[in-house]
C-alpha atoms as a PDB file:
ATOM      1  CA  MET A   1     -12.498  38.349  72.722  1.00  0.00           C
ATOM      2  CA  MET A   2      -9.349  37.107  74.495  1.00  0.00           C
ATOM      3  CA  LYS A   3      -9.167  35.468  77.919  1.00  0.00           C
ATOM      4  CA  LYS A   4      -6.109  34.481  79.937  1.00  0.00           C
ATOM      5  CA  TYR A   5      -5.921  31.273  82.011  1.00  0.00           C
ATOM      6  CA  GLU A   6      -2.741  30.415  84.030  1.00  0.00           C
ATOM      7  CA  GLY A   7      -0.435  32.308  81.689  1.00  0.00           C
ATOM      8  CA  LYS A   8      -2.023  30.988  78.502  1.00  0.00           C
ATOM      9  CA  ARG A   9      -4.009  33.060  76.128  1.00  0.00           C
ATOM     10  CA  TYR A  10      -7.206  31.856  74.514  1.00  0.00           C
ATOM     11  CA  TYR A  11      -9.311  33.472  71.846  1.00  0.00           C
ATOM     12  CA  ARG A  12     -13.056  33.234  71.823  1.00  0.00           C
ATOM     13  CA  ILE A  13     -14.808  33.637  68.472  1.00  0.00           C
ATOM     14  CA  ARG A  14     -18.484  34.223  68.237  1.00  0.00           C
ATOM     15  CA  ALA A  15     -20.422  31.360  66.641  1.00  0.00           C
ATOM     16  CA  THR A  16     -21.968  33.809  64.187  1.00  0.00           C
ATOM     17  CA  VAL A  17     -18.467  34.531  62.883  1.00  0.00           C
ATOM     18  CA  PHE A  18     -16.854  31.108  63.260  1.00  0.00           C
ATOM     19  CA  TRP A  19     -19.308  28.963  61.284  1.00  0.00           C
ATOM     20  CA  PRO A  20     -19.614  31.283  58.289  1.00  0.00           C
ATOM     21  CA  THR A  21     -15.802  31.406  58.171  1.00  0.00           C
ATOM     22  CA  VAL A  22     -15.589  27.604  58.236  1.00  0.00           C
ATOM     23  CA  GLY A  23     -18.264  27.384  55.536  1.00  0.00           C
ATOM     24  CA  LEU A  24     -16.420  29.873  53.327  1.00  0.00           C
ATOM     25  CA  PHE A  25     -13.163  27.938  53.777  1.00  0.00           C
ATOM     26  CA  ILE A  26     -14.873  24.679  52.772  1.00  0.00           C
ATOM     27  CA  LEU A  27     -16.379  26.350  49.709  1.00  0.00           C
ATOM     28  CA  LEU A  28     -12.942  27.616  48.699  1.00  0.00           C
ATOM     29  CA  LEU A  29     -11.487  24.115  49.021  1.00  0.00           C
ATOM     30  CA  LEU A  30     -14.332  22.645  46.991  1.00  0.00           C
ATOM     31  CA  GLY A  31     -13.881  25.351  44.371  1.00  0.00           C
ATOM     32  CA  VAL A  32     -10.188  24.524  43.988  1.00  0.00           C
ATOM     33  CA  TYR A  33     -10.840  20.783  43.890  1.00  0.00           C
ATOM     34  CA  PHE A  34     -13.682  20.965  41.399  1.00  0.00           C
ATOM     35  CA  LYS A  35     -12.474  23.975  39.392  1.00  0.00           C
ATOM     36  CA  ASP A  36     -12.240  22.055  36.114  1.00  0.00           C
ATOM     37  CA  GLU A  37     -15.754  20.653  36.490  1.00  0.00           C
ATOM     38  CA  LEU A  38     -17.131  24.068  37.458  1.00  0.00           C
ATOM     39  CA  TYR A  39     -15.423  25.720  34.500  1.00  0.00           C
ATOM     40  CA  GLU A  40     -16.840  23.084  32.152  1.00  0.00           C
ATOM     41  CA  LYS A  41     -20.352  23.667  33.541  1.00  0.00           C
ATOM     42  CA  TRP A  42     -19.929  27.410  33.075  1.00  0.00           C
ATOM     43  CA  LEU A  43     -18.893  26.917  29.450  1.00  0.00           C
ATOM     44  CA  ARG A  44     -21.896  24.717  28.793  1.00  0.00           C
ATOM     45  CA  SER A  45     -24.332  27.017  30.564  1.00  0.00           C
ATOM     46  CA  GLY A  46     -24.647  29.129  27.430  1.00  0.00           C
ATOM     47  CA  GLY A  47     -25.297  26.158  25.159  1.00  0.00           C
ATOM     48  CA  MET A  48     -23.696  25.315  21.819  1.00  0.00           C
ATOM     49  CA  GLU A  49     -23.340  27.602  18.816  1.00  0.00           C
ATOM     50  CA  ASP A  50     -22.311  27.086  15.203  1.00  0.00           C
ATOM     51  CA  VAL A  51     -19.488  29.194  13.804  1.00  0.00           C
ATOM     52  CA  THR A  52     -19.537  29.684  10.035  1.00  0.00           C
ATOM     53  CA  PHE A  53     -17.760  31.923   7.555  1.00  0.00           C
ATOM     54  CA  GLU A  54     -20.592  32.424   5.102  1.00  0.00           C
ATOM     55  CA  GLY A  55     -20.758  35.777   3.428  1.00  0.00           C
ATOM     56  CA  LEU A  56     -17.056  36.264   2.708  1.00  0.00           C
ATOM     57  CA  THR A  57     -16.643  37.992  -0.642  1.00  0.00           C
ATOM     58  CA  SER A  58     -13.802  37.448  -3.067  1.00  0.00           C
ATOM     59  CA  ALA A  59     -11.757  40.534  -3.932  1.00  0.00           C
ATOM     60  CA  LEU A  60      -9.793  38.670  -6.614  1.00  0.00           C
ATOM     61  CA  GLU A  61     -10.159  40.327 -10.022  1.00  0.00           C
ATOM     62  CA  ASP A  62      -8.317  37.742 -12.137  1.00  0.00           C
ATOM     63  CA  LYS A  63      -9.733  34.230 -11.615  1.00  0.00           C
ATOM     64  CA  ALA A  64      -6.732  32.722 -13.404  1.00  0.00           C
ATOM     65  CA  SER A  65      -4.570  33.753 -10.448  1.00  0.00           C
ATOM     66  CA  CYS A  66      -6.760  31.965  -7.885  1.00  0.00           C
ATOM     67  CA  TYR A  67      -4.601  30.077  -5.376  1.00  0.00           C
ATOM     68  CA  LEU A  68      -6.763  26.941  -5.662  1.00  0.00           C
ATOM     69  CA  CYS A  69      -8.109  26.596  -9.204  1.00  0.00           C
ATOM     70  CA  GLY A  70      -5.758  28.999 -10.973  1.00  0.00           C
ATOM     71  CA  SER A  71      -2.042  29.091 -11.675  1.00  0.00           C
ATOM     72  CA  SER A  72      -0.743  31.712  -9.281  1.00  0.00           C
ATOM     73  CA  ASP A  73       3.020  31.828  -8.808  1.00  0.00           C
ATOM     74  CA  TYR A  74       2.376  32.176  -5.069  1.00  0.00           C
ATOM     75  CA  SER A  75       0.554  28.848  -4.680  1.00  0.00           C
ATOM     76  CA  LEU A  76       1.962  25.308  -4.941  1.00  0.00           C
ATOM     77  CA  VAL A  77      -1.412  23.776  -5.789  1.00  0.00           C
ATOM     78  CA  ASP A  78      -0.792  24.155  -9.514  1.00  0.00           C
ATOM     79  CA  LEU A  79       2.585  22.429  -9.137  1.00  0.00           C
ATOM     80  CA  PHE A  80       1.062  19.355  -7.449  1.00  0.00           C
ATOM     81  CA  ARG A  81      -2.071  19.222  -9.591  1.00  0.00           C
ATOM     82  CA  LYS A  82      -0.774  16.554 -11.995  1.00  0.00           C
ATOM     83  CA  SER A  83       0.473  14.223  -9.263  1.00  0.00           C
ATOM     84  CA  GLY A  84      -2.975  12.777  -8.588  1.00  0.00           C
ATOM     85  CA  ARG A  85      -2.248  12.819  -4.852  1.00  0.00           C
ATOM     86  CA  ILE A  86      -3.801  14.691  -1.947  1.00  0.00           C
ATOM     87  CA  GLY A  87      -2.362  17.140   0.533  1.00  0.00           C
ATOM     88  CA  VAL A  88      -2.839  19.753   3.252  1.00  0.00           C
ATOM     89  CA  ILE A  89      -3.098  23.519   2.831  1.00  0.00           C
ATOM     90  CA  SER A  90      -2.070  25.994   5.518  1.00  0.00           C
ATOM     91  CA  LEU A  91      -4.657  28.686   4.849  1.00  0.00           C
ATOM     92  CA  ASN A  92      -2.923  31.594   6.595  1.00  0.00           C
ATOM     93  CA  ASP A  93       0.192  31.483   4.410  1.00  0.00           C
ATOM     94  CA  TRP A  94      -1.099  29.118   1.707  1.00  0.00           C
ATOM     95  CA  TYR A  95       1.782  26.704   2.224  1.00  0.00           C
ATOM     96  CA  VAL A  96       0.929  23.371   0.569  1.00  0.00           C
ATOM     97  CA  LEU A  97       2.034  19.932   1.786  1.00  0.00           C
ATOM     98  CA  GLU A  98       1.722  16.755  -0.269  1.00  0.00           C
ATOM     99  CA  PHE A  99       1.293  13.269   1.192  1.00  0.00           C
ATOM    100  CA  HIS A 100       4.173  11.020   0.132  1.00  0.00           C
ATOM    101  CA  ILE A 101       1.961   8.290  -1.244  1.00  0.00           C
ATOM    102  CA  LYS A 102       1.724   6.367  -4.518  1.00  0.00           C
ATOM    103  CA  SER A 103       0.562   8.596  -7.345  1.00  0.00           C
ATOM    104  CA  ARG A 104      -2.629   7.883  -9.274  1.00  0.00           C
ATOM    105  CA  ASP A 105      -1.007   9.321 -12.398  1.00  0.00           C
ATOM    106  CA  GLU A 106       0.768   6.524 -14.271  1.00  0.00           C
ATOM    107  CA  SER A 107       2.865   9.092 -16.130  1.00  0.00           C
ATOM    108  CA  VAL A 108       4.733   9.960 -12.921  1.00  0.00           C
ATOM    109  CA  PRO A 109       8.070   8.034 -13.030  1.00  0.00           C
ATOM    110  CA  LEU A 110       8.707   5.603 -10.188  1.00  0.00           C
ATOM    111  CA  SER A 111      11.880   7.523  -9.397  1.00  0.00           C
ATOM    112  CA  GLU A 112       9.680  10.478  -8.452  1.00  0.00           C
ATOM    113  CA  GLU A 113       7.296   8.555  -6.217  1.00  0.00           C
ATOM    114  CA  GLY A 114       9.384   9.466  -3.171  1.00  0.00           C
ATOM    115  CA  TYR A 115       8.652   6.318  -1.130  1.00  0.00           C
ATOM    116  CA  ARG A 116       9.784   6.489   2.468  1.00  0.00           C
ATOM    117  CA  THR A 117      10.341  10.209   2.194  1.00  0.00           C
ATOM    118  CA  SER A 118      10.569  12.249   5.369  1.00  0.00           C
ATOM    119  CA  THR A 119      10.414  16.038   5.426  1.00  0.00           C
ATOM    120  CA  PHE A 120       9.989  18.680   8.094  1.00  0.00           C
ATOM    121  CA  GLY A 121      10.120  22.442   8.301  1.00  0.00           C
ATOM    122  CA  ASN A 122       8.897  25.718   9.749  1.00  0.00           C
ATOM    123  CA  THR A 123       7.119  28.244   7.529  1.00  0.00           C
ATOM    124  CA  GLY A 124       6.832  30.876  10.239  1.00  0.00           C
ATOM    125  CA  GLU A 125       3.118  30.102  10.431  1.00  0.00           C
ATOM    126  CA  ILE A 126       3.223  26.321  10.989  1.00  0.00           C
ATOM    127  CA  ILE A 127       5.708  23.622  11.929  1.00  0.00           C
ATOM    128  CA  TYR A 128       5.226  20.469   9.879  1.00  0.00           C
ATOM    129  CA  SER A 129       6.561  16.974   9.329  1.00  0.00           C
ATOM    130  CA  SER A 130       5.582  14.362   6.762  1.00  0.00           C
ATOM    131  CA  GLU A 131       6.545  10.775   6.038  1.00  0.00           C
ATOM    132  CA  GLY A 132       5.705   8.084   3.506  1.00  0.00           C
ATOM    133  CA  SER A 133       6.020   4.292   3.760  1.00  0.00           C
ATOM    134  CA  TYR A 134       8.303   2.089   1.635  1.00  0.00           C
ATOM    135  CA  SER A 135       5.316   0.638  -0.213  1.00  0.00           C
ATOM    136  CA  GLY A 136       3.796   4.012  -0.990  1.00  0.00           C
ATOM    137  CA  LYS A 137       0.505   2.800   0.499  1.00  0.00           C
ATOM    138  CA  MET A 138       0.550   4.942   3.622  1.00  0.00           C
ATOM    139  CA  ALA A 139       1.674   8.470   4.478  1.00  0.00           C
ATOM    140  CA  SER A 140       1.258  10.974   7.280  1.00  0.00           C
ATOM    141  CA  ILE A 141       1.466  14.712   7.889  1.00  0.00           C
ATOM    142  CA  GLU A 142       1.583  16.456  11.264  1.00  0.00           C
ATOM    143  CA  VAL A 143       1.116  20.208  11.626  1.00  0.00           C
ATOM    144  CA  THR A 144       1.766  22.243  14.761  1.00  0.00           C
ATOM    145  CA  LEU A 145      -0.047  25.575  14.902  1.00  0.00           C
ATOM    146  CA  PRO A 146       0.932  28.671  16.909  1.00  0.00           C
ATOM    147  CA  GLU A 147      -0.663  28.873  20.360  1.00  0.00           C
ATOM    148  CA  ASP A 148      -2.568  32.026  19.381  1.00  0.00           C
ATOM    149  CA  PHE A 149      -3.544  30.946  15.864  1.00  0.00           C
ATOM    150  CA  ARG A 150      -6.444  32.730  14.193  1.00  0.00           C
ATOM    151  CA  LEU A 151      -7.819  32.335  10.683  1.00  0.00           C
ATOM    152  CA  GLN A 152      -6.841  35.283   8.462  1.00  0.00           C
ATOM    153  CA  THR A 153      -9.903  35.635   6.280  1.00  0.00           C
ATOM    154  CA  ASP A 154      -8.364  38.485   4.275  1.00  0.00           C
ATOM    155  CA  ILE A 155      -5.831  36.027   2.795  1.00  0.00           C
ATOM    156  CA  LEU A 156      -8.713  33.930   1.477  1.00  0.00           C
ATOM    157  CA  GLU A 157     -10.765  36.843   0.165  1.00  0.00           C
ATOM    158  CA  ASN A 158      -7.812  38.402  -1.665  1.00  0.00           C
ATOM    159  CA  ASN A 159      -6.483  35.234  -3.284  1.00  0.00           C
ATOM    160  CA  LEU A 160      -9.436  32.932  -4.024  1.00  0.00           C
ATOM    161  CA  CYS A 161     -12.159  33.279  -6.628  1.00  0.00           C
ATOM    162  CA  GLN A 162     -15.689  33.283  -5.199  1.00  0.00           C
ATOM    163  CA  GLU A 163     -16.323  29.627  -6.066  1.00  0.00           C
ATOM    164  CA  CYS A 164     -13.156  28.427  -4.373  1.00  0.00           C
ATOM    165  CA  LEU A 165     -13.680  30.799  -1.452  1.00  0.00           C
ATOM    166  CA  ASP A 166     -17.097  29.264  -0.821  1.00  0.00           C
ATOM    167  CA  LYS A 167     -15.631  25.744  -0.955  1.00  0.00           C
ATOM    168  CA  VAL A 168     -12.810  26.540   1.451  1.00  0.00           C
ATOM    169  CA  THR A 169     -14.946  28.435   3.975  1.00  0.00           C
ATOM    170  CA  GLU A 170     -17.421  25.542   4.082  1.00  0.00           C
ATOM    171  CA  THR A 171     -14.627  23.322   5.450  1.00  0.00           C
ATOM    172  CA  LEU A 172     -14.036  25.789   8.301  1.00  0.00           C
ATOM    173  CA  ASP A 173     -17.435  25.479  10.010  1.00  0.00           C
ATOM    174  CA  PHE A 174     -17.260  24.231  13.592  1.00  0.00           C
ATOM    175  CA  ARG A 175     -19.243  24.132  16.837  1.00  0.00           C
ATOM    176  CA  LYS A 176     -18.268  25.417  20.248  1.00  0.00           C
ATOM    177  CA  TRP A 177     -19.697  26.247  23.650  1.00  0.00           C
ATOM    178  CA  ARG A 178     -20.987  29.817  23.634  1.00  0.00           C
ATOM    179  CA  TYR A 179     -18.454  31.037  26.209  1.00  0.00           C
ATOM    180  CA  GLU A 180     -15.591  28.932  24.866  1.00  0.00           C
ATOM    181  CA  GLU A 181     -12.567  30.675  23.345  1.00  0.00           C
ATOM    182  CA  LYS A 182     -12.108  28.631  20.199  1.00  0.00           C
ATOM    183  CA  GLU A 183     -10.983  29.426  16.670  1.00  0.00           C
ATOM    184  CA  ALA A 184     -11.310  27.717  13.296  1.00  0.00           C
ATOM    185  CA  ILE A 185      -8.273  25.603  12.474  1.00  0.00           C
ATOM    186  CA  PRO A 186      -6.629  27.333   9.466  1.00  0.00           C
ATOM    187  CA  LEU A 187      -5.992  24.073   7.603  1.00  0.00           C
ATOM    188  CA  CYS A 188      -7.805  21.931   5.064  1.00  0.00           C
ATOM    189  CA  LEU A 189      -7.261  18.789   3.021  1.00  0.00           C
ATOM    190  CA  VAL A 190      -7.056  19.127  -0.761  1.00  0.00           C
ATOM    191  CA  ASP A 191      -7.439  16.699  -3.650  1.00  0.00           C
ATOM    192  CA  PHE A 192      -4.985  18.002  -6.222  1.00  0.00           C
ATOM    193  CA  ARG A 193      -6.723  16.200  -9.069  1.00  0.00           C
ATOM    194  CA  THR A 194     -10.280  17.443  -8.484  1.00  0.00           C
ATOM    195  CA  GLN A 195      -9.424  20.644  -6.535  1.00  0.00           C
ATOM    196  CA  GLU A 196     -11.974  19.634  -3.901  1.00  0.00           C
ATOM    197  CA  VAL A 197     -11.191  20.544  -0.286  1.00  0.00           C
ATOM    198  CA  TYR A 198     -12.095  18.752   2.952  1.00  0.00           C
ATOM    199  CA  SER A 199     -12.328  19.775   6.590  1.00  0.00           C
ATOM    200  CA  LEU A 200      -9.579  19.385   9.187  1.00  0.00           C
ATOM    201  CA  GLN A 201     -11.663  20.864  12.024  1.00  0.00           C
ATOM    202  CA  ASP A 202     -11.706  18.967  15.327  1.00  0.00           C
ATOM    203  CA  TRP A 203     -15.144  17.432  14.700  1.00  0.00           C
ATOM    204  CA  HIS A 204     -13.793  15.632  11.626  1.00  0.00           C
ATOM    205  CA  LYS A 205     -12.152  12.278  12.374  1.00  0.00           C
ATOM    206  CA  GLY A 206     -11.880  10.729   8.917  1.00  0.00           C
ATOM    207  CA  CYS A 207     -12.984  10.803   5.296  1.00  0.00           C
ATOM    208  CA  LEU A 208     -12.617   8.984   1.989  1.00  0.00           C
ATOM    209  CA  ILE A 209     -11.035  10.979  -0.831  1.00  0.00           C
ATOM    210  CA  ARG A 210     -11.284   8.845  -3.967  1.00  0.00           C
ATOM    211  CA  ASP A 211      -9.147   5.764  -3.124  1.00  0.00           C
ATOM    212  CA  TYR A 212      -7.486   7.360  -0.105  1.00  0.00           C
ATOM    213  CA  TRP A 213      -8.789   6.917   3.435  1.00  0.00           C
ATOM    214  CA  VAL A 214      -7.764   9.739   5.775  1.00  0.00           C
ATOM    215  CA  GLU A 215      -7.705   9.424   9.586  1.00  0.00           C
ATOM    216  CA  ILE A 216      -7.494  12.701  11.483  1.00  0.00           C
ATOM    217  CA  GLU A 217      -6.368  13.363  15.062  1.00  0.00           C
ATOM    218  CA  HIS A 218      -6.238  16.547  17.137  1.00  0.00           C
ATOM    219  CA  GLU A 219      -4.130  17.043  20.241  1.00  0.00           C
ATOM    220  CA  GLY A 220      -3.767  20.564  21.577  1.00  0.00           C
ATOM    221  CA  ASP A 221      -2.276  22.711  18.834  1.00  0.00           C
ATOM    222  CA  LYS A 222      -1.264  19.665  16.745  1.00  0.00           C
ATOM    223  CA  VAL A 223      -3.235  18.240  13.834  1.00  0.00           C
ATOM    224  CA  SER A 224      -2.155  14.965  12.252  1.00  0.00           C
ATOM    225  CA  ALA A 225      -3.537  13.047   9.289  1.00  0.00           C
ATOM    226  CA  ASP A 226      -2.705   9.495   8.236  1.00  0.00           C
ATOM    227  CA  VAL A 227      -3.571   8.515   4.657  1.00  0.00           C
ATOM    228  CA  TYR A 228      -4.007   4.955   3.406  1.00  0.00           C
ATOM    229  CA  ASP A 229      -4.253   3.845  -0.198  1.00  0.00           C
ATOM    230  CA  VAL A 230      -7.284   1.519  -0.131  1.00  0.00           C
ATOM    231  CA  ALA A 231      -7.485   0.827  -3.871  1.00  0.00           C
ATOM    232  CA  GLU A 232      -7.663  -2.862  -4.709  1.00  0.00           C
END
């Protein structure tokens, strides 16, 4: 309703309309201000759930061509196996990175130790960089994943024997909020000597692999691992 006093116009709003409007406006402001907290509560409202990859079946007919324990021409694991070092595997394209750290194999010439080596590249699936210290006692690898990364389980099933497939998929287990959009990180650590693999999921912050201590950090789509030679 509008009334006019001395040339000025005034609007009268019914209390039954005004106060609900004010309340709605306040709720909108609170929603904007606390949106992150509200979103977090919504995610948690469904509770936690475990995501596993049990039940994957190997389609590999020739075990000798397994990407992990075999000698496939399409995997670098066999090439690094005698170095006695450890590394990182990109599971979607099976690109293998080795930490530039002192070898446990005394037959490896010092000229091939690669101390203070820095490398970087882009495989089309990951962007990576690696560096080793002058002493060969410390090394690091950082991997940047695509924003929309997703584990390609068919790569694993088609190129790993069942035993290796079970070992790799065990490293991929993770937990998430039920309504959270989260994927398994398609990376794992590997011990080239023993062919054992270790998790690089975001719950994993560190592990001891023989005489190497590994510290793991996650930041957005980046995963970094620092390795220290702790042998006396």
